[in-house]
Amino acid sequence: MTQLTVVTGLTAVALLVFMVELLRRRQLQEKYAILWLVVSIVILPMAFFPKLTDNVAEAIGIASGVSLVLFLGIVFLLLVTVHLSWEVSRLEEETRTLAEDLALLRSELGRPRDSSAVPAPVSSDLPERAPDDQR
């Protein structure tokens, strides 16, 4: 077994364990975790059967298995980037809409933008003290 095979296998197992842990702690949504779980499951056979990628690459006319893996990795990362850009755009639009709705609701209620900007009423029957006075 070559050193690359061992490192690839350990990386796939570590990725699988890490994703399961993030899912267990509810720090990663299922839709994203499934994607990364599939990636780690795809990496596992490539780690233990490196000739498999060479055979697939040869069958589709690519020079080597390494070239195929690198190409597929770049395509995968490009797709992830496009998807995350789409998600950010959608969330920005949703945030803008929510901010506009909140501003309209506040204007209908006649309240200022920040509720902390309104000073609290001061009771006149209490003696006035300095803020750092601790009697």
N, C-alpha and C. Protein backbone atom coordinates (compact mmCIF):
# COMPACT_ATOMS: atom_id res chain seq x y z
N MET A 1 0.85 -1.16 0.00
CA MET A 1 0.00 0.00 0.00
C MET A 1 0.90 1.24 0.00
N THR A 2 0.65 2.16 -0.92
CA THR A 2 1.49 3.35 -1.00
C THR A 2 1.09 4.38 0.04
N GLN A 3 1.97 5.31 0.23
CA GLN A 3 1.72 6.37 1.21
C GLN A 3 0.53 7.23 0.79
N LEU A 4 0.40 7.50 -0.52
CA LEU A 4 -0.73 8.29 -1.03
C LEU A 4 -2.05 7.58 -0.74
N THR A 5 -2.08 6.27 -0.89
CA THR A 5 -3.29 5.50 -0.63
C THR A 5 -3.70 5.64 0.84
N VAL A 6 -2.75 5.55 1.73
CA VAL A 6 -3.03 5.66 3.16
C VAL A 6 -3.53 7.07 3.50
N VAL A 7 -2.86 8.09 2.97
CA VAL A 7 -3.25 9.48 3.25
C VAL A 7 -4.65 9.76 2.69
N THR A 8 -4.94 9.30 1.49
CA THR A 8 -6.24 9.51 0.89
C THR A 8 -7.33 8.81 1.69
N GLY A 9 -7.07 7.58 2.08
CA GLY A 9 -8.05 6.84 2.88
C GLY A 9 -8.30 7.49 4.22
N LEU A 10 -7.24 7.93 4.89
CA LEU A 10 -7.40 8.61 6.18
C LEU A 10 -8.15 9.94 6.04
N THR A 11 -7.89 10.65 4.94
CA THR A 11 -8.59 11.90 4.69
C THR A 11 -10.08 11.65 4.48
N ALA A 12 -10.42 10.64 3.72
CA ALA A 12 -11.83 10.31 3.48
C ALA A 12 -12.53 9.92 4.78
N VAL A 13 -11.88 9.11 5.59
CA VAL A 13 -12.48 8.69 6.87
C VAL A 13 -12.61 9.90 7.79
N ALA A 14 -11.60 10.76 7.85
CA ALA A 14 -11.66 11.95 8.70
C ALA A 14 -12.78 12.88 8.26
N LEU A 15 -12.95 13.05 6.95
CA LEU A 15 -14.03 13.89 6.43
C LEU A 15 -15.39 13.30 6.80
N LEU A 16 -15.52 12.00 6.68
CA LEU A 16 -16.77 11.32 7.02
C LEU A 16 -17.09 11.51 8.50
N VAL A 17 -16.12 11.30 9.37
CA VAL A 17 -16.33 11.45 10.81
C VAL A 17 -16.64 12.90 11.16
N PHE A 18 -15.92 13.83 10.55
CA PHE A 18 -16.13 15.25 10.82
C PHE A 18 -17.55 15.68 10.42
N MET A 19 -18.02 15.24 9.27
CA MET A 19 -19.37 15.61 8.82
C MET A 19 -20.44 15.01 9.73
N VAL A 20 -20.24 13.78 10.14
CA VAL A 20 -21.20 13.15 11.05
C VAL A 20 -21.24 13.91 12.37
N GLU A 21 -20.09 14.35 12.85
CA GLU A 21 -20.03 15.11 14.10
C GLU A 21 -20.72 16.47 13.96
N LEU A 22 -20.48 17.16 12.85
CA LEU A 22 -21.16 18.43 12.62
C LEU A 22 -22.67 18.24 12.54
N LEU A 23 -23.10 17.17 11.91
CA LEU A 23 -24.54 16.87 11.85
C LEU A 23 -25.09 16.59 13.24
N ARG A 24 -24.36 15.80 14.00
CA ARG A 24 -24.80 15.43 15.34
C ARG A 24 -24.96 16.67 16.22
N ARG A 25 -24.06 17.63 16.08
CA ARG A 25 -24.12 18.87 16.86
C ARG A 25 -25.06 19.90 16.26
N ARG A 26 -25.65 19.59 15.14
CA ARG A 26 -26.56 20.48 14.42
C ARG A 26 -25.88 21.80 14.02
N GLN A 27 -24.62 21.71 13.62
CA GLN A 27 -23.87 22.87 13.16
C GLN A 27 -23.81 22.94 11.64
N LEU A 28 -24.35 21.94 10.98
CA LEU A 28 -24.37 21.90 9.52
C LEU A 28 -25.72 21.36 9.09
N GLN A 29 -26.34 22.05 8.14
CA GLN A 29 -27.64 21.60 7.65
C GLN A 29 -27.47 20.29 6.88
N GLU A 30 -28.54 19.53 6.90
CA GLU A 30 -28.50 18.21 6.27
C GLU A 30 -28.21 18.29 4.78
N LYS A 31 -28.76 19.32 4.11
CA LYS A 31 -28.56 19.39 2.66
C LYS A 31 -27.09 19.56 2.29
N TYR A 32 -26.31 20.23 3.14
CA TYR A 32 -24.89 20.37 2.88
C TYR A 32 -24.11 19.16 3.37
N ALA A 33 -24.53 18.60 4.47
CA ALA A 33 -23.83 17.43 5.02
C ALA A 33 -23.94 16.25 4.07
N ILE A 34 -25.08 16.07 3.46
CA ILE A 34 -25.25 14.96 2.52
C ILE A 34 -24.26 15.08 1.37
N LEU A 35 -24.07 16.28 0.88
CA LEU A 35 -23.11 16.51 -0.20
C LEU A 35 -21.71 16.06 0.21
N TRP A 36 -21.27 16.48 1.40
CA TRP A 36 -19.92 16.15 1.84
C TRP A 36 -19.80 14.68 2.24
N LEU A 37 -20.87 14.10 2.72
CA LEU A 37 -20.84 12.66 3.01
C LEU A 37 -20.67 11.86 1.72
N VAL A 38 -21.37 12.28 0.67
CA VAL A 38 -21.23 11.60 -0.63
C VAL A 38 -19.80 11.75 -1.14
N VAL A 39 -19.22 12.94 -0.98
CA VAL A 39 -17.84 13.15 -1.43
C VAL A 39 -16.89 12.20 -0.70
N SER A 40 -17.05 12.09 0.62
CA SER A 40 -16.15 11.21 1.36
C SER A 40 -16.37 9.75 1.00
N ILE A 41 -17.61 9.37 0.70
CA ILE A 41 -17.89 7.99 0.31
C ILE A 41 -17.32 7.70 -1.08
N VAL A 42 -17.29 8.70 -1.95
CA VAL A 42 -16.70 8.52 -3.28
C VAL A 42 -15.17 8.44 -3.18
N ILE A 43 -14.60 9.18 -2.25
CA ILE A 43 -13.13 9.18 -2.10
C ILE A 43 -12.63 7.84 -1.56
N LEU A 44 -13.40 7.20 -0.70
CA LEU A 44 -12.96 5.94 -0.08
C LEU A 44 -12.55 4.86 -1.09
N PRO A 45 -13.39 4.52 -2.07
CA PRO A 45 -12.95 3.49 -3.03
C PRO A 45 -11.74 3.93 -3.85
N MET A 46 -11.66 5.23 -4.15
CA MET A 46 -10.51 5.72 -4.91
C MET A 46 -9.23 5.57 -4.08
N ALA A 47 -9.37 5.67 -2.77
CA ALA A 47 -8.19 5.54 -1.90
C ALA A 47 -7.69 4.11 -1.86
N PHE A 48 -8.60 3.17 -1.76
CA PHE A 48 -8.18 1.78 -1.59
C PHE A 48 -8.01 1.03 -2.91
N PHE A 49 -8.56 1.58 -3.99
CA PHE A 49 -8.41 0.97 -5.32
C PHE A 49 -7.96 2.05 -6.30
N PRO A 50 -6.71 2.51 -6.21
CA PRO A 50 -6.24 3.60 -7.07
C PRO A 50 -6.24 3.25 -8.56
N LYS A 51 -6.14 1.99 -8.88
CA LYS A 51 -6.16 1.58 -10.29
C LYS A 51 -7.55 1.80 -10.91
N LEU A 52 -8.56 1.87 -10.06
CA LEU A 52 -9.93 2.10 -10.54
C LEU A 52 -10.03 3.44 -11.27
N THR A 53 -9.43 4.48 -10.70
CA THR A 53 -9.47 5.78 -11.38
C THR A 53 -8.67 5.76 -12.67
N ASP A 54 -7.57 5.03 -12.70
CA ASP A 54 -6.80 4.91 -13.94
C ASP A 54 -7.62 4.21 -15.03
N ASN A 55 -8.34 3.16 -14.64
CA ASN A 55 -9.16 2.43 -15.61
C ASN A 55 -10.31 3.29 -16.13
N VAL A 56 -10.96 4.05 -15.24
CA VAL A 56 -12.05 4.93 -15.66
C VAL A 56 -11.50 6.03 -16.57
N ALA A 57 -10.35 6.61 -16.21
CA ALA A 57 -9.75 7.66 -17.03
C ALA A 57 -9.39 7.14 -18.41
N GLU A 58 -8.83 5.94 -18.47
CA GLU A 58 -8.47 5.34 -19.76
C GLU A 58 -9.71 5.06 -20.60
N ALA A 59 -10.77 4.64 -19.96
CA ALA A 59 -12.00 4.31 -20.69
C ALA A 59 -12.63 5.55 -21.32
N ILE A 60 -12.49 6.71 -20.69
CA ILE A 60 -13.10 7.91 -21.26
C ILE A 60 -12.08 8.79 -21.99
N GLY A 61 -10.86 8.30 -22.12
CA GLY A 61 -9.87 8.98 -22.96
C GLY A 61 -9.06 10.06 -22.26
N ILE A 62 -8.91 9.96 -20.96
CA ILE A 62 -8.09 10.92 -20.21
C ILE A 62 -6.76 10.24 -19.90
N ALA A 63 -5.69 11.04 -19.90
CA ALA A 63 -4.33 10.49 -19.81
C ALA A 63 -4.10 9.67 -18.54
N SER A 64 -4.54 10.15 -17.39
CA SER A 64 -4.28 9.40 -16.15
C SER A 64 -5.42 9.61 -15.15
N GLY A 65 -5.44 8.76 -14.16
CA GLY A 65 -6.45 8.85 -13.11
C GLY A 65 -6.29 10.11 -12.28
N VAL A 66 -5.06 10.53 -12.09
CA VAL A 66 -4.81 11.76 -11.32
C VAL A 66 -5.41 12.96 -12.04
N SER A 67 -5.25 13.02 -13.36
CA SER A 67 -5.82 14.11 -14.13
C SER A 67 -7.34 14.11 -14.02
N LEU A 68 -7.93 12.94 -14.07
CA LEU A 68 -9.39 12.82 -13.93
C LEU A 68 -9.85 13.31 -12.56
N VAL A 69 -9.16 12.90 -11.51
CA VAL A 69 -9.54 13.31 -10.15
C VAL A 69 -9.40 14.82 -9.98
N LEU A 70 -8.31 15.39 -10.49
CA LEU A 70 -8.13 16.83 -10.39
C LEU A 70 -9.19 17.59 -11.17
N PHE A 71 -9.50 17.13 -12.35
CA PHE A 71 -10.54 17.78 -13.16
C PHE A 71 -11.89 17.71 -12.45
N LEU A 72 -12.25 16.54 -11.96
CA LEU A 72 -13.53 16.39 -11.26
C LEU A 72 -13.57 17.21 -9.98
N GLY A 73 -12.43 17.32 -9.29
CA GLY A 73 -12.36 18.15 -8.10
C GLY A 73 -12.59 19.62 -8.41
N ILE A 74 -11.98 20.10 -9.49
CA ILE A 74 -12.17 21.50 -9.88
C ILE A 74 -13.61 21.76 -10.29
N VAL A 75 -14.20 20.85 -11.05
CA VAL A 75 -15.61 21.00 -11.44
C VAL A 75 -16.51 21.00 -10.21
N PHE A 76 -16.24 20.10 -9.28
CA PHE A 76 -17.03 20.02 -8.06
C PHE A 76 -16.94 21.32 -7.26
N LEU A 77 -15.71 21.84 -7.09
CA LEU A 77 -15.55 23.08 -6.34
C LEU A 77 -16.20 24.26 -7.06
N LEU A 78 -16.17 24.27 -8.38
CA LEU A 78 -16.85 25.31 -9.13
C LEU A 78 -18.36 25.25 -8.89
N LEU A 79 -18.93 24.05 -8.90
CA LEU A 79 -20.37 23.90 -8.65
C LEU A 79 -20.74 24.31 -7.22
N VAL A 80 -19.90 23.96 -6.26
CA VAL A 80 -20.16 24.36 -4.87
C VAL A 80 -20.11 25.88 -4.76
N THR A 81 -19.14 26.50 -5.41
CA THR A 81 -19.02 27.96 -5.38
C THR A 81 -20.23 28.64 -6.00
N VAL A 82 -20.69 28.14 -7.12
CA VAL A 82 -21.87 28.71 -7.77
C VAL A 82 -23.10 28.55 -6.87
N HIS A 83 -23.24 27.38 -6.27
CA HIS A 83 -24.38 27.14 -5.39
C HIS A 83 -24.35 28.08 -4.18
N LEU A 84 -23.17 28.23 -3.56
CA LEU A 84 -23.07 29.11 -2.40
C LEU A 84 -23.29 30.58 -2.79
N SER A 85 -22.86 30.97 -3.97
CA SER A 85 -23.13 32.33 -4.45
C SER A 85 -24.63 32.55 -4.62
N TRP A 86 -25.30 31.55 -5.14
CA TRP A 86 -26.76 31.63 -5.30
C TRP A 86 -27.43 31.75 -3.93
N GLU A 87 -26.98 30.95 -2.96
CA GLU A 87 -27.55 31.00 -1.61
C GLU A 87 -27.33 32.37 -0.98
N VAL A 88 -26.13 32.93 -1.11
CA VAL A 88 -25.84 34.25 -0.54
C VAL A 88 -26.73 35.30 -1.19
N SER A 89 -26.89 35.25 -2.50
CA SER A 89 -27.75 36.21 -3.19
C SER A 89 -29.18 36.12 -2.71
N ARG A 90 -29.67 34.90 -2.56
CA ARG A 90 -31.04 34.69 -2.09
C ARG A 90 -31.20 35.22 -0.67
N LEU A 91 -30.23 34.95 0.19
CA LEU A 91 -30.31 35.42 1.58
C LEU A 91 -30.19 36.94 1.68
N GLU A 92 -29.36 37.55 0.83
CA GLU A 92 -29.28 39.01 0.81
C GLU A 92 -30.61 39.63 0.41
N GLU A 93 -31.26 39.06 -0.57
CA GLU A 93 -32.57 39.56 -1.01
C GLU A 93 -33.60 39.39 0.11
N GLU A 94 -33.56 38.26 0.77
CA GLU A 94 -34.50 38.01 1.87
C GLU A 94 -34.24 38.97 3.03
N THR A 95 -32.97 39.23 3.33
CA THR A 95 -32.63 40.17 4.40
C THR A 95 -33.10 41.58 4.05
N ARG A 96 -32.91 42.00 2.82
CA ARG A 96 -33.35 43.32 2.39
C ARG A 96 -34.86 43.44 2.52
N THR A 97 -35.59 42.41 2.07
CA THR A 97 -37.05 42.42 2.16
C THR A 97 -37.51 42.48 3.62
N LEU A 98 -36.86 41.70 4.49
CA LEU A 98 -37.23 41.72 5.90
C LEU A 98 -36.94 43.07 6.54
N ALA A 99 -35.82 43.68 6.17
CA ALA A 99 -35.49 45.01 6.71
C ALA A 99 -36.51 46.05 6.26
N GLU A 100 -36.94 45.97 5.01
CA GLU A 100 -37.97 46.89 4.52
C GLU A 100 -39.29 46.66 5.24
N ASP A 101 -39.66 45.41 5.42
CA ASP A 101 -40.90 45.11 6.14
C ASP A 101 -40.85 45.61 7.58
N LEU A 102 -39.72 45.43 8.23
CA LEU A 102 -39.56 45.90 9.60
C LEU A 102 -39.64 47.41 9.68
N ALA A 103 -39.02 48.10 8.73
CA ALA A 103 -39.09 49.57 8.70
C ALA A 103 -40.53 50.04 8.50
N LEU A 104 -41.27 49.36 7.63
CA LEU A 104 -42.67 49.73 7.42
C LEU A 104 -43.50 49.50 8.68
N LEU A 105 -43.27 48.38 9.34
CA LEU A 105 -44.01 48.10 10.57
C LEU A 105 -43.69 49.13 11.65
N ARG A 106 -42.42 49.48 11.78
CA ARG A 106 -42.05 50.48 12.78
C ARG A 106 -42.66 51.84 12.46
N SER A 107 -42.69 52.19 11.17
CA SER A 107 -43.28 53.49 10.81
C SER A 107 -44.79 53.48 11.05
N GLU A 108 -45.45 52.35 10.85
CA GLU A 108 -46.88 52.26 11.11
C GLU A 108 -47.17 52.37 12.61
N LEU A 109 -46.27 51.85 13.42
CA LEU A 109 -46.45 51.92 14.87
C LEU A 109 -45.99 53.26 15.44
N GLY A 110 -45.31 54.05 14.62
CA GLY A 110 -44.84 55.35 15.07
C GLY A 110 -43.68 55.26 16.04
N ARG A 111 -42.95 54.19 15.98
CA ARG A 111 -41.81 54.00 16.87
C ARG A 111 -40.52 54.37 16.15
N PRO A 112 -39.55 54.86 16.90
CA PRO A 112 -38.25 55.16 16.26
C PRO A 112 -37.55 53.87 15.86
N ARG A 113 -36.52 54.03 15.08
CA ARG A 113 -35.79 52.87 14.56
C ARG A 113 -35.20 52.03 15.67
N ASP A 114 -34.58 52.66 16.66
CA ASP A 114 -33.93 51.92 17.73
C ASP A 114 -34.65 52.23 19.04
N SER A 115 -35.19 51.22 19.68
CA SER A 115 -35.95 51.44 20.91
C SER A 115 -35.06 51.92 22.04
N SER A 116 -33.76 51.66 21.98
CA SER A 116 -32.86 52.12 23.03
C SER A 116 -32.57 53.61 22.90
N ALA A 117 -32.96 54.25 21.78
CA ALA A 117 -32.74 55.67 21.60
C ALA A 117 -33.72 56.49 22.42
N VAL A 118 -34.80 55.91 22.86
CA VAL A 118 -35.79 56.61 23.65
C VAL A 118 -35.36 56.52 25.11
N PRO A 119 -35.16 57.69 25.78
CA PRO A 119 -34.73 57.63 27.17
C PRO A 119 -35.86 57.13 28.07
N ALA A 120 -35.48 56.41 29.09
CA ALA A 120 -36.46 55.91 30.04
C ALA A 120 -36.97 57.07 30.89
N PRO A 121 -38.25 57.05 31.28
CA PRO A 121 -38.77 58.14 32.11
C PRO A 121 -38.06 58.16 33.46
N VAL A 122 -37.76 59.36 33.93
CA VAL A 122 -37.06 59.53 35.19
C VAL A 122 -38.08 59.87 36.27
N SER A 123 -38.02 59.16 37.36
CA SER A 123 -38.94 59.42 38.47
C SER A 123 -38.41 60.62 39.26
N SER A 124 -39.28 61.60 39.52
CA SER A 124 -38.85 62.83 40.18
C SER A 124 -38.82 62.71 41.71
N ASP A 125 -39.39 61.67 42.29
CA ASP A 125 -39.42 61.57 43.74
C ASP A 125 -38.17 60.91 44.31
N LEU A 126 -37.29 60.39 43.46
CA LEU A 126 -36.04 59.79 43.92
C LEU A 126 -34.93 60.82 43.86
N PRO A 127 -34.02 60.82 44.84
CA PRO A 127 -32.89 61.76 44.75
C PRO A 127 -31.99 61.38 43.58
N GLU A 128 -31.49 62.40 42.91
CA GLU A 128 -30.65 62.16 41.75
C GLU A 128 -29.27 61.70 42.20
N ARG A 129 -28.76 60.61 41.58
CA ARG A 129 -27.47 60.06 41.94
C ARG A 129 -26.61 59.95 40.70
N ALA A 130 -25.34 59.97 40.92
CA ALA A 130 -24.39 59.74 39.83
C ALA A 130 -24.44 58.26 39.49
N PRO A 131 -24.17 57.91 38.24
CA PRO A 131 -24.25 56.48 37.84
C PRO A 131 -23.30 55.59 38.60
N ASP A 132 -22.16 56.12 39.05
CA ASP A 132 -21.22 55.26 39.75
C ASP A 132 -21.41 55.28 41.27
N ASP A 133 -22.39 56.02 41.72
CA ASP A 133 -22.70 56.09 43.15
C ASP A 133 -23.33 54.79 43.60
N GLN A 134 -22.78 54.15 44.61
CA GLN A 134 -23.29 52.85 45.02
C GLN A 134 -23.69 52.86 46.49
N ARG A 135 -24.63 53.69 46.82
CA ARG A 135 -25.12 53.74 48.19
C ARG A 135 -25.99 52.59 48.52
